[in-house]
PDB file of N, CA and C in Angstrom:
ATOM      1  N   MET A   1     161.571  60.788  90.110  1.00  0.00           N
ATOM      2  CA  MET A   1     160.937  59.506  90.302  1.00  0.00           C
ATOM      3  C   MET A   1     159.735  59.639  91.223  1.00  0.00           C
ATOM      4  N   ALA A   2     159.857  60.470  92.238  1.00  0.00           N
ATOM      5  CA  ALA A   2     158.753  60.645  93.175  1.00  0.00           C
ATOM      6  C   ALA A   2     157.555  61.292  92.496  1.00  0.00           C
ATOM      7  N   ALA A   3     157.805  62.323  91.696  1.00  0.00           N
ATOM      8  CA  ALA A   3     156.711  63.006  91.008  1.00  0.00           C
ATOM      9  C   ALA A   3     156.005  62.058  90.048  1.00  0.00           C
ATOM     10  N   GLU A   4     156.759  61.190  89.384  1.00  0.00           N
ATOM     11  CA  GLU A   4     156.167  60.223  88.464  1.00  0.00           C
ATOM     12  C   GLU A   4     155.287  59.219  89.221  1.00  0.00           C
ATOM     13  N   ALA A   5     155.754  58.754  90.377  1.00  0.00           N
ATOM     14  CA  ALA A   5     154.965  57.822  91.181  1.00  0.00           C
ATOM     15  C   ALA A   5     153.687  58.485  91.688  1.00  0.00           C
ATOM     16  N   ILE A   6     153.769  59.760  92.038  1.00  0.00           N
ATOM     17  CA  ILE A   6     152.590  60.489  92.509  1.00  0.00           C
ATOM     18  C   ILE A   6     151.591  60.656  91.377  1.00  0.00           C
ATOM     19  N   LYS A   7     152.072  60.958  90.177  1.00  0.00           N
ATOM     20  CA  LYS A   7     151.172  61.120  89.034  1.00  0.00           C
ATOM     21  C   LYS A   7     150.461  59.817  88.693  1.00  0.00           C
ATOM     22  N   LYS A   8     151.110  58.693  88.934  1.00  0.00           N
ATOM     23  CA  LYS A   8     150.500  57.389  88.674  1.00  0.00           C
ATOM     24  C   LYS A   8     149.485  57.007  89.751  1.00  0.00           C
ATOM     25  N   GLY A   9     149.462  57.736  90.861  1.00  0.00           N
ATOM     26  CA  GLY A   9     148.535  57.434  91.947  1.00  0.00           C
ATOM     27  C   GLY A   9     149.043  56.367  92.897  1.00  0.00           C
ATOM     28  N   SER A  10     150.350  56.135  92.914  1.00  0.00           N
ATOM     29  CA  SER A  10     150.935  55.099  93.754  1.00  0.00           C
ATOM     30  C   SER A  10     151.236  55.571  95.171  1.00  0.00           C
ATOM     31  N   VAL A  11     151.062  56.854  95.446  1.00  0.00           N
ATOM     32  CA  VAL A  11     151.438  57.414  96.741  1.00  0.00           C
ATOM     33  C   VAL A  11     150.205  57.958  97.451  1.00  0.00           C
ATOM     34  N   ARG A  12     150.090  57.615  98.733  1.00  0.00           N
ATOM     35  CA  ARG A  12     149.004  58.128  99.571  1.00  0.00           C
ATOM     36  C   ARG A  12     149.612  58.719 100.843  1.00  0.00           C
ATOM     37  N   ILE A  13     149.048  59.828 101.278  1.00  0.00           N
ATOM     38  CA  ILE A  13     149.478  60.449 102.527  1.00  0.00           C
ATOM     39  C   ILE A  13     148.269  60.456 103.447  1.00  0.00           C
ATOM     40  N   ASN A  14     148.393  59.786 104.578  1.00  0.00           N
ATOM     41  CA  ASN A  14     147.309  59.637 105.550  1.00  0.00           C
ATOM     42  C   ASN A  14     146.031  59.104 104.895  1.00  0.00           C
ATOM     43  N   GLY A  15     146.185  58.175 103.958  1.00  0.00           N
ATOM     44  CA  GLY A  15     145.048  57.531 103.318  1.00  0.00           C
ATOM     45  C   GLY A  15     144.472  58.264 102.123  1.00  0.00           C
ATOM     46  N   HIS A  16     144.939  59.467 101.832  1.00  0.00           N
ATOM     47  CA  HIS A  16     144.439  60.241 100.696  1.00  0.00           C
ATOM     48  C   HIS A  16     145.473  60.226  99.573  1.00  0.00           C
ATOM     49  N   ILE A  17     145.002  60.193  98.328  1.00  0.00           N
ATOM     50  CA  ILE A  17     145.908  60.212  97.193  1.00  0.00           C
ATOM     51  C   ILE A  17     146.686  61.522  97.213  1.00  0.00           C
ATOM     52  N   ALA A  18     148.007  61.393  97.076  1.00  0.00           N
ATOM     53  CA  ALA A  18     148.885  62.565  97.153  1.00  0.00           C
ATOM     54  C   ALA A  18     148.942  63.291  95.817  1.00  0.00           C
ATOM     55  N   LYS A  19     149.146  64.590  95.900  1.00  0.00           N
ATOM     56  CA  LYS A  19     149.376  65.418  94.712  1.00  0.00           C
ATOM     57  C   LYS A  19     150.824  65.905  94.784  1.00  0.00           C
ATOM     58  N   PRO A  20     151.432  66.274  93.653  1.00  0.00           N
ATOM     59  CA  PRO A  20     152.848  66.660  93.666  1.00  0.00           C
ATOM     60  C   PRO A  20     153.202  67.794  94.631  1.00  0.00           C
ATOM     61  N   ALA A  21     152.319  68.730  94.878  1.00  0.00           N
ATOM     62  CA  ALA A  21     152.638  69.871  95.746  1.00  0.00           C
ATOM     63  C   ALA A  21     152.179  69.656  97.191  1.00  0.00           C
ATOM     64  N   LYS A  22     151.743  68.472  97.545  1.00  0.00           N
ATOM     65  CA  LYS A  22     151.244  68.194  98.891  1.00  0.00           C
ATOM     66  C   LYS A  22     152.371  68.312  99.910  1.00  0.00           C
ATOM     67  N   GLU A  23     152.121  69.082 100.958  1.00  0.00           N
ATOM     68  CA  GLU A  23     153.116  69.232 102.019  1.00  0.00           C
ATOM     69  C   GLU A  23     153.031  68.059 102.976  1.00  0.00           C
ATOM     70  N   VAL A  24     154.159  67.664 103.495  1.00  0.00           N
ATOM     71  CA  VAL A  24     154.244  66.556 104.441  1.00  0.00           C
ATOM     72  C   VAL A  24     154.676  67.124 105.780  1.00  0.00           C
ATOM     73  N   PHE A  25     154.046  66.644 106.853  1.00  0.00           N
ATOM     74  CA  PHE A  25     154.352  67.122 108.196  1.00  0.00           C
ATOM     75  C   PHE A  25     154.800  65.962 109.075  1.00  0.00           C
ATOM     76  N   SER A  26     155.374  66.269 110.213  1.00  0.00           N
ATOM     77  CA  SER A  26     155.760  65.235 111.165  1.00  0.00           C
ATOM     78  C   SER A  26     154.524  64.465 111.608  1.00  0.00           C
ATOM     79  N   GLY A  27     154.656  63.159 111.685  1.00  0.00           N
ATOM     80  CA  GLY A  27     153.536  62.311 112.092  1.00  0.00           C
ATOM     81  C   GLY A  27     152.705  61.788 110.934  1.00  0.00           C
ATOM     82  N   ASP A  28     152.918  62.288 109.722  1.00  0.00           N
ATOM     83  CA  ASP A  28     152.169  61.795 108.564  1.00  0.00           C
ATOM     84  C   ASP A  28     152.603  60.374 108.232  1.00  0.00           C
ATOM     85  N   GLU A  29     151.659  59.615 107.671  1.00  0.00           N
ATOM     86  CA  GLU A  29     151.956  58.255 107.241  1.00  0.00           C
ATOM     87  C   GLU A  29     151.860  58.207 105.719  1.00  0.00           C
ATOM     88  N   ILE A  30     152.943  57.792 105.089  1.00  0.00           N
ATOM     89  CA  ILE A  30     153.016  57.738 103.630  1.00  0.00           C
ATOM     90  C   ILE A  30     152.977  56.276 103.203  1.00  0.00           C
ATOM     91  N   THR A  31     152.055  55.961 102.307  1.00  0.00           N
ATOM     92  CA  THR A  31     151.935  54.617 101.768  1.00  0.00           C
ATOM     93  C   THR A  31     152.210  54.697 100.280  1.00  0.00           C
ATOM     94  N   LEU A  32     153.137  53.880  99.811  1.00  0.00           N
ATOM     95  CA  LEU A  32     153.448  53.898  98.390  1.00  0.00           C
ATOM     96  C   LEU A  32     153.615  52.485  97.865  1.00  0.00           C
ATOM     97  N   ARG A  33     153.224  52.313  96.620  1.00  0.00           N
ATOM     98  CA  ARG A  33     153.360  51.012  95.965  1.00  0.00           C
ATOM     99  C   ARG A  33     154.481  51.136  94.943  1.00  0.00           C
ATOM    100  N   ILE A  34     155.548  50.369  95.171  1.00  0.00           N
ATOM    101  CA  ILE A  34     156.707  50.403  94.291  1.00  0.00           C
ATOM    102  C   ILE A  34     157.283  48.997  94.193  1.00  0.00           C
ATOM    103  N   HIS A  35     157.595  48.590  92.991  1.00  0.00           N
ATOM    104  CA  HIS A  35     158.152  47.254  92.726  1.00  0.00           C
ATOM    105  C   HIS A  35     157.267  46.137  93.283  1.00  0.00           C
ATOM    106  N   GLN A  36     155.987  46.217  93.058  1.00  0.00           N
ATOM    107  CA  GLN A  36     154.981  45.226  93.438  1.00  0.00           C
ATOM    108  C   GLN A  36     154.836  45.016  94.945  1.00  0.00           C
ATOM    109  N   ILE A  37     155.314  45.933  95.750  1.00  0.00           N
ATOM    110  CA  ILE A  37     155.067  45.845  97.186  1.00  0.00           C
ATOM    111  C   ILE A  37     154.543  47.185  97.679  1.00  0.00           C
ATOM    112  N   THR A  38     153.754  47.127  98.731  1.00  0.00           N
ATOM    113  CA  THR A  38     153.218  48.338  99.342  1.00  0.00           C
ATOM    114  C   THR A  38     154.043  48.644 100.576  1.00  0.00           C
ATOM    115  N   ARG A  39     154.703  49.780 100.564  1.00  0.00           N
ATOM    116  CA  ARG A  39     155.536  50.189 101.692  1.00  0.00           C
ATOM    117  C   ARG A  39     154.827  51.272 102.482  1.00  0.00           C
ATOM    118  N   THR A  40     155.002  51.256 103.771  1.00  0.00           N
ATOM    119  CA  THR A  40     154.410  52.246 104.662  1.00  0.00           C
ATOM    120  C   THR A  40     155.530  52.936 105.438  1.00  0.00           C
ATOM    121  N   LEU A  41     155.563  54.250 105.348  1.00  0.00           N
ATOM    122  CA  LEU A  41     156.573  55.038 106.044  1.00  0.00           C
ATOM    123  C   LEU A  41     155.894  56.041 106.955  1.00  0.00           C
ATOM    124  N   SER A  42     156.476  56.281 108.102  1.00  0.00           N
ATOM    125  CA  SER A  42     155.975  57.271 109.038  1.00  0.00           C
ATOM    126  C   SER A  42     157.024  58.379 109.157  1.00  0.00           C
ATOM    127  N   VAL A  43     156.592  59.623 108.995  1.00  0.00           N
ATOM    128  CA  VAL A  43     157.508  60.763 109.054  1.00  0.00           C
ATOM    129  C   VAL A  43     157.762  61.096 110.524  1.00  0.00           C
ATOM    130  N   LEU A  44     159.013  61.009 110.945  1.00  0.00           N
ATOM    131  CA  LEU A  44     159.368  61.313 112.334  1.00  0.00           C
ATOM    132  C   LEU A  44     159.577  62.813 112.523  1.00  0.00           C
ATOM    133  N   GLU A  45     160.364  63.399 111.639  1.00  0.00           N
ATOM    134  CA  GLU A  45     160.629  64.836 111.688  1.00  0.00           C
ATOM    135  C   GLU A  45     161.058  65.298 110.301  1.00  0.00           C
ATOM    136  N   LEU A  46     160.939  66.570 110.063  1.00  0.00           N
ATOM    137  CA  LEU A  46     161.347  67.130 108.783  1.00  0.00           C
ATOM    138  C   LEU A  46     162.731  67.742 108.914  1.00  0.00           C
ATOM    139  N   PRO A  47     163.611  67.480 107.954  1.00  0.00           N
ATOM    140  CA  PRO A  47     164.935  68.114 108.007  1.00  0.00           C
ATOM    141  C   PRO A  47     164.804  69.618 107.749  1.00  0.00           C
ATOM    142  N   THR A  48     165.737  70.374 108.260  1.00  0.00           N
ATOM    143  CA  THR A  48     165.673  71.834 108.101  1.00  0.00           C
ATOM    144  C   THR A  48     166.052  72.268 106.695  1.00  0.00           C
ATOM    145  N   SER A  49     166.817  71.445 105.985  1.00  0.00           N
ATOM    146  CA  SER A  49     167.200  71.763 104.612  1.00  0.00           C
ATOM    147  C   SER A  49     167.246  70.471 103.806  1.00  0.00           C
ATOM    148  N   ARG A  50     167.549  70.588 102.514  1.00  0.00           N
ATOM    149  CA  ARG A  50     167.656  69.401 101.671  1.00  0.00           C
ATOM    150  C   ARG A  50     168.794  68.525 102.170  1.00  0.00           C
ATOM    151  N   VAL A  51     168.564  67.222 102.148  1.00  0.00           N
ATOM    152  CA  VAL A  51     169.586  66.286 102.619  1.00  0.00           C
ATOM    153  C   VAL A  51     169.778  65.189 101.576  1.00  0.00           C
ATOM    154  N   SER A  52     170.854  64.450 101.699  1.00  0.00           N
ATOM    155  CA  SER A  52     171.123  63.360 100.763  1.00  0.00           C
ATOM    156  C   SER A  52     170.208  62.176 101.081  1.00  0.00           C
ATOM    157  N   ALA A  53     170.115  61.259 100.137  1.00  0.00           N
ATOM    158  CA  ALA A  53     169.237  60.103 100.300  1.00  0.00           C
ATOM    159  C   ALA A  53     169.673  59.213 101.468  1.00  0.00           C
ATOM    160  N   LYS A  54     170.948  59.195 101.780  1.00  0.00           N
ATOM    161  CA  LYS A  54     171.443  58.383 102.889  1.00  0.00           C
ATOM    162  C   LYS A  54     170.900  58.866 104.230  1.00  0.00           C
ATOM    163  N   ILE A  55     170.674  60.156 104.360  1.00  0.00           N
ATOM    164  CA  ILE A  55     170.247  60.741 105.636  1.00  0.00           C
ATOM    165  C   ILE A  55     168.726  60.707 105.797  1.00  0.00           C
ATOM    166  N   VAL A  56     167.990  60.525 104.726  1.00  0.00           N
ATOM    167  CA  VAL A  56     166.524  60.525 104.805  1.00  0.00           C
ATOM    168  C   VAL A  56     166.031  59.449 105.756  1.00  0.00           C
ATOM    169  N   GLY A  57     166.712  58.316 105.813  1.00  0.00           N
ATOM    170  CA  GLY A  57     166.313  57.227 106.705  1.00  0.00           C
ATOM    171  C   GLY A  57     166.275  57.611 108.177  1.00  0.00           C
ATOM    172  N   MET A  58     167.005  58.637 108.556  1.00  0.00           N
ATOM    173  CA  MET A  58     166.998  59.087 109.946  1.00  0.00           C
ATOM    174  C   MET A  58     165.732  59.882 110.272  1.00  0.00           C
ATOM    175  N   HIS A  59     165.029  60.356 109.258  1.00  0.00           N
ATOM    176  CA  HIS A  59     163.859  61.207 109.457  1.00  0.00           C
ATOM    177  C   HIS A  59     162.537  60.473 109.243  1.00  0.00           C
ATOM    178  N   CYS A  60     162.613  59.183 108.899  1.00  0.00           N
ATOM    179  CA  CYS A  60     161.376  58.424 108.711  1.00  0.00           C
ATOM    180  C   CYS A  60     161.550  57.014 109.279  1.00  0.00           C
ATOM    181  N   LEU A  61     160.413  56.368 109.524  1.00  0.00           N
ATOM    182  CA  LEU A  61     160.393  55.025 110.085  1.00  0.00           C
ATOM    183  C   LEU A  61     159.652  54.125 109.114  1.00  0.00           C
ATOM    184  N   ASP A  62     160.288  53.044 108.692  1.00  0.00           N
ATOM    185  CA  ASP A  62     159.682  52.108 107.750  1.00  0.00           C
ATOM    186  C   ASP A  62     158.819  51.117 108.531  1.00  0.00           C
ATOM    187  N   LYS A  63     157.508  51.147 108.288  1.00  0.00           N
ATOM    188  CA  LYS A  63     156.570  50.265 108.978  1.00  0.00           C
ATOM    189  C   LYS A  63     156.131  49.085 108.114  1.00  0.00           C
ATOM    190  N   THR A  64     156.814  48.860 107.001  1.00  0.00           N
ATOM    191  CA  THR A  64     156.471  47.759 106.111  1.00  0.00           C
ATOM    192  C   THR A  64     156.743  46.447 106.836  1.00  0.00           C
ATOM    193  N   PRO A  65     155.763  45.525 106.844  1.00  0.00           N
ATOM    194  CA  PRO A  65     155.981  44.244 107.521  1.00  0.00           C
ATOM    195  C   PRO A  65     157.160  43.475 106.922  1.00  0.00           C
ATOM    196  N   ALA A  66     157.906  42.791 107.770  1.00  0.00           N
ATOM    197  CA  ALA A  66     159.098  42.064 107.324  1.00  0.00           C
ATOM    198  C   ALA A  66     158.747  40.950 106.350  1.00  0.00           C
ATOM    199  N   HIS A  67     157.596  40.307 106.539  1.00  0.00           N
ATOM    200  CA  HIS A  67     157.241  39.198 105.658  1.00  0.00           C
ATOM    201  C   HIS A  67     156.973  39.684 104.234  1.00  0.00           C
ATOM    202  N   VAL A  68     156.492  40.913 104.074  1.00  0.00           N
ATOM    203  CA  VAL A  68     156.257  41.464 102.732  1.00  0.00           C
ATOM    204  C   VAL A  68     157.596  41.699 102.032  1.00  0.00           C
ATOM    205  N   LEU A  69     158.562  42.241 102.754  1.00  0.00           N
ATOM    206  CA  LEU A  69     159.882  42.470 102.170  1.00  0.00           C
ATOM    207  C   LEU A  69     160.571  41.144 101.835  1.00  0.00           C
ATOM    208  N   ALA A  70     160.423  40.150 102.710  1.00  0.00           N
ATOM    209  CA  ALA A  70     161.017  38.838 102.455  1.00  0.00           C
ATOM    210  C   ALA A  70     160.365  38.177 101.246  1.00  0.00           C
ATOM    211  N   GLN A  71     159.052  38.323 101.117  1.00  0.00           N
ATOM    212  CA  GLN A  71     158.339  37.746  99.978  1.00  0.00           C
ATOM    213  C   GLN A  71     158.806  38.397  98.674  1.00  0.00           C
ATOM    214  N   HIS A  72     158.966  39.708  98.676  1.00  0.00           N
ATOM    215  CA  HIS A  72     159.444  40.411  97.483  1.00  0.00           C
ATOM    216  C   HIS A  72     160.869  39.972  97.127  1.00  0.00           C
ATOM    217  N   LYS A  73     161.706  39.800  98.130  1.00  0.00           N
ATOM    218  CA  LYS A  73     163.083  39.367  97.892  1.00  0.00           C
ATOM    219  C   LYS A  73     163.108  37.967  97.287  1.00  0.00           C
ATOM    220  N   GLU A  74     162.241  37.088  97.743  1.00  0.00           N
ATOM    221  CA  GLU A  74     162.166  35.728  97.215  1.00  0.00           C
ATOM    222  C   GLU A  74     161.672  35.727  95.769  1.00  0.00           C
ATOM    223  N   ILE A  75     160.673  36.536  95.470  1.00  0.00           N
ATOM    224  CA  ILE A  75     160.159  36.635  94.102  1.00  0.00           C
ATOM    225  C   ILE A  75     161.255  37.145  93.172  1.00  0.00           C
ATOM    226  N   LYS A  76     161.971  38.158  93.612  1.00  0.00           N
ATOM    227  CA  LYS A  76     163.041  38.727  92.802  1.00  0.00           C
ATOM    228  C   LYS A  76     164.138  37.695  92.567  1.00  0.00           C
ATOM    229  N   ARG A  77     164.449  36.911  93.587  1.00  0.00           N
ATOM    230  CA  ARG A  77     165.494  35.892  93.460  1.00  0.00           C
ATOM    231  C   ARG A  77     165.072  34.797  92.481  1.00  0.00           C
ATOM    232  N   THR A  78     163.826  34.362  92.537  1.00  0.00           N
ATOM    233  CA  THR A  78     163.371  33.295  91.652  1.00  0.00           C
ATOM    234  C   THR A  78     163.256  33.758  90.208  1.00  0.00           C
ATOM    235  N   GLN A  79     162.985  35.035  89.991  1.00  0.00           N
ATOM    236  CA  GLN A  79     162.874  35.537  88.628  1.00  0.00           C
ATOM    237  C   GLN A  79     164.222  35.639  87.934  1.00  0.00           C
ATOM    238  N   SER A  80     165.273  35.777  88.678  1.00  0.00           N
ATOM    239  CA  SER A  80     166.588  35.967  88.055  1.00  0.00           C
ATOM    240  C   SER A  80     167.553  34.838  88.411  1.00  0.00           C
ATOM    241  N   TYR A  81     167.053  33.636  88.598  1.00  0.00           N
ATOM    242  CA  TYR A  81     167.936  32.569  89.055  1.00  0.00           C
ATOM    243  C   TYR A  81     168.797  31.967  87.952  1.00  0.00           C
ATOM    244  N   TYR A  82     168.417  32.125  86.694  1.00  0.00           N
ATOM    245  CA  TYR A  82     169.226  31.489  85.670  1.00  0.00           C
ATOM    246  C   TYR A  82     169.687  32.428  84.569  1.00  0.00           C
ATOM    247  N   ARG A  83     169.144  33.621  84.476  1.00  0.00           N
ATOM    248  CA  ARG A  83     169.550  34.558  83.424  1.00  0.00           C
ATOM    249  C   ARG A  83     169.796  35.933  84.037  1.00  0.00           C
ATOM    250  N   ASP A  84     170.834  36.558  83.561  1.00  0.00           N
ATOM    251  CA  ASP A  84     171.110  37.923  83.993  1.00  0.00           C
ATOM    252  C   ASP A  84     170.165  38.877  83.285  1.00  0.00           C
ATOM    253  N   LYS A  85     169.827  39.948  83.940  1.00  0.00           N
ATOM    254  CA  LYS A  85     168.927  40.937  83.368  1.00  0.00           C
ATOM    255  C   LYS A  85     169.586  41.603  82.165  1.00  0.00           C
ATOM    256  N   GLY A  86     168.805  41.801  81.104  1.00  0.00           N
ATOM    257  CA  GLY A  86     169.303  42.480  79.929  1.00  0.00           C
ATOM    258  C   GLY A  86     169.858  41.573  78.851  1.00  0.00           C
ATOM    259  N   LEU A  87     169.762  40.251  79.033  1.00  0.00           N
ATOM    260  CA  LEU A  87     170.284  39.336  78.033  1.00  0.00           C
ATOM    261  C   LEU A  87     169.282  39.030  76.932  1.00  0.00           C
ATOM    262  N   GLY A  88     168.098  39.555  77.010  1.00  0.00           N
ATOM    263  CA  GLY A  88     167.103  39.326  75.970  1.00  0.00           C
ATOM    264  C   GLY A  88     166.326  38.048  76.193  1.00  0.00           C
ATOM    265  N   ARG A  89     165.678  37.605  75.130  1.00  0.00           N
ATOM    266  CA  ARG A  89     164.856  36.403  75.215  1.00  0.00           C
ATOM    267  C   ARG A  89     165.722  35.166  75.381  1.00  0.00           C
ATOM    268  N   PRO A  90     165.194  34.153  76.068  1.00  0.00           N
ATOM    269  CA  PRO A  90     165.977  32.925  76.208  1.00  0.00           C
ATOM    270  C   PRO A  90     166.116  32.208  74.857  1.00  0.00           C
ATOM    271  N   THR A  91     167.241  31.575  74.677  1.00  0.00           N
ATOM    272  CA  THR A  91     167.453  30.797  73.464  1.00  0.00           C
ATOM    273  C   THR A  91     166.750  29.457  73.602  1.00  0.00           C
ATOM    274  N   LYS A  92     166.741  28.700  72.515  1.00  0.00           N
ATOM    275  CA  LYS A  92     166.114  27.385  72.543  1.00  0.00           C
ATOM    276  C   LYS A  92     166.825  26.486  73.567  1.00  0.00           C
ATOM    277  N   LYS A  93     168.136  26.580  73.636  1.00  0.00           N
ATOM    278  CA  LYS A  93     168.891  25.793  74.607  1.00  0.00           C
ATOM    279  C   LYS A  93     168.519  26.199  76.036  1.00  0.00           C
ATOM    280  N   ASP A  94     168.375  27.506  76.272  1.00  0.00           N
ATOM    281  CA  ASP A  94     167.980  27.980  77.599  1.00  0.00           C
ATOM    282  C   ASP A  94     166.618  27.418  77.986  1.00  0.00           C
ATOM    283  N   ARG A  95     165.681  27.421  77.049  1.00  0.00           N
ATOM    284  CA  ARG A  95     164.341  26.896  77.341  1.00  0.00           C
ATOM    285  C   ARG A  95     164.392  25.402  77.645  1.00  0.00           C
ATOM    286  N   ARG A  96     165.187  24.662  76.887  1.00  0.00           N
ATOM    287  CA  ARG A  96     165.312  23.219  77.143  1.00  0.00           C
ATOM    288  C   ARG A  96     165.931  22.963  78.509  1.00  0.00           C
ATOM    289  N   ASP A  97     166.967  23.723  78.838  1.00  0.00           N
ATOM    290  CA  ASP A  97     167.593  23.570  80.158  1.00  0.00           C
ATOM    291  C   ASP A  97     166.588  23.882  81.265  1.00  0.00           C
ATOM    292  N   LEU A  98     165.789  24.913  81.067  1.00  0.00           N
ATOM    293  CA  LEU A  98     164.792  25.279  82.065  1.00  0.00           C
ATOM    294  C   LEU A  98     163.732  24.193  82.192  1.00  0.00           C
ATOM    295  N   GLU A  99     163.291  23.635  81.050  1.00  0.00           N
ATOM    296  CA  GLU A  99     162.301  22.553  81.100  1.00  0.00           C
ATOM    297  C   GLU A  99     162.866  21.336  81.796  1.00  0.00           C
ATOM    298  N   ASP A 100     164.140  20.987  81.526  1.00  0.00           N
ATOM    299  CA  ASP A 100     164.782  19.853  82.194  1.00  0.00           C
ATOM    300  C   ASP A 100     164.846  20.098  83.699  1.00  0.00           C
ATOM    301  N   TYR A 101     165.153  21.335  84.072  1.00  0.00           N
ATOM    302  CA  TYR A 101     165.254  21.683  85.493  1.00  0.00           C
ATOM    303  C   TYR A 101     163.893  21.572  86.185  1.00  0.00           C
ATOM    304  N   THR A 102     162.858  22.099  85.571  1.00  0.00           N
ATOM    305  CA  THR A 102     161.529  22.062  86.204  1.00  0.00           C
ATOM    306  C   THR A 102     160.935  20.676  86.172  1.00  0.00           C
ATOM    307  N   ASP A 103     161.218  19.878  85.140  1.00  0.00           N
ATOM    308  CA  ASP A 103     160.706  18.505  85.080  1.00  0.00           C
ATOM    309  C   ASP A 103     161.372  17.624  86.128  1.00  0.00           C
ATOM    310  N   SER A 104     162.637  17.864  86.411  1.00  0.00           N
ATOM    311  CA  SER A 104     163.339  17.042  87.411  1.00  0.00           C
ATOM    312  C   SER A 104     162.816  17.327  88.819  1.00  0.00           C
ATOM    313  N   ASP A 105     162.270  18.515  89.068  1.00  0.00           N
ATOM    314  CA  ASP A 105     161.713  18.837  90.384  1.00  0.00           C
ATOM    315  C   ASP A 105     160.423  18.082  90.653  1.00  0.00           C
ATOM    316  N   GLN A 106     159.706  17.679  89.604  1.00  0.00           N
ATOM    317  CA  GLN A 106     158.418  17.025  89.777  1.00  0.00           C
ATOM    318  C   GLN A 106     158.532  15.526  89.972  1.00  0.00           C
ATOM    319  N   ASP A 107     159.703  14.960  89.770  1.00  0.00           N
ATOM    320  CA  ASP A 107     159.876  13.507  89.926  1.00  0.00           C
ATOM    321  C   ASP A 107     159.761  13.069  91.349  1.00  0.00           C
TER     322      ASP A 107
END
């Protein structure tokens, strides 16, 4: 997933577009755009060997503003408030229910 994001140009290290073989050092700032938000991470230290994803959080500091994360959470919540993901297109009844719901908010 990381290599794919780098190939798309979504990852920057210290303001420069990252390449897949780019080395990361302590103190580097990584900026990446994922799921419509821009996250900023600061590398605190490098682990001596490969570690699990749970432990990576101990080696970096998330500098993403809280309001950006809250805004993304709100957008995600509003997009999935009436239909579960993977159910396909809304039916005619679903559309009517949605129109009734949105029309009642404007009264």
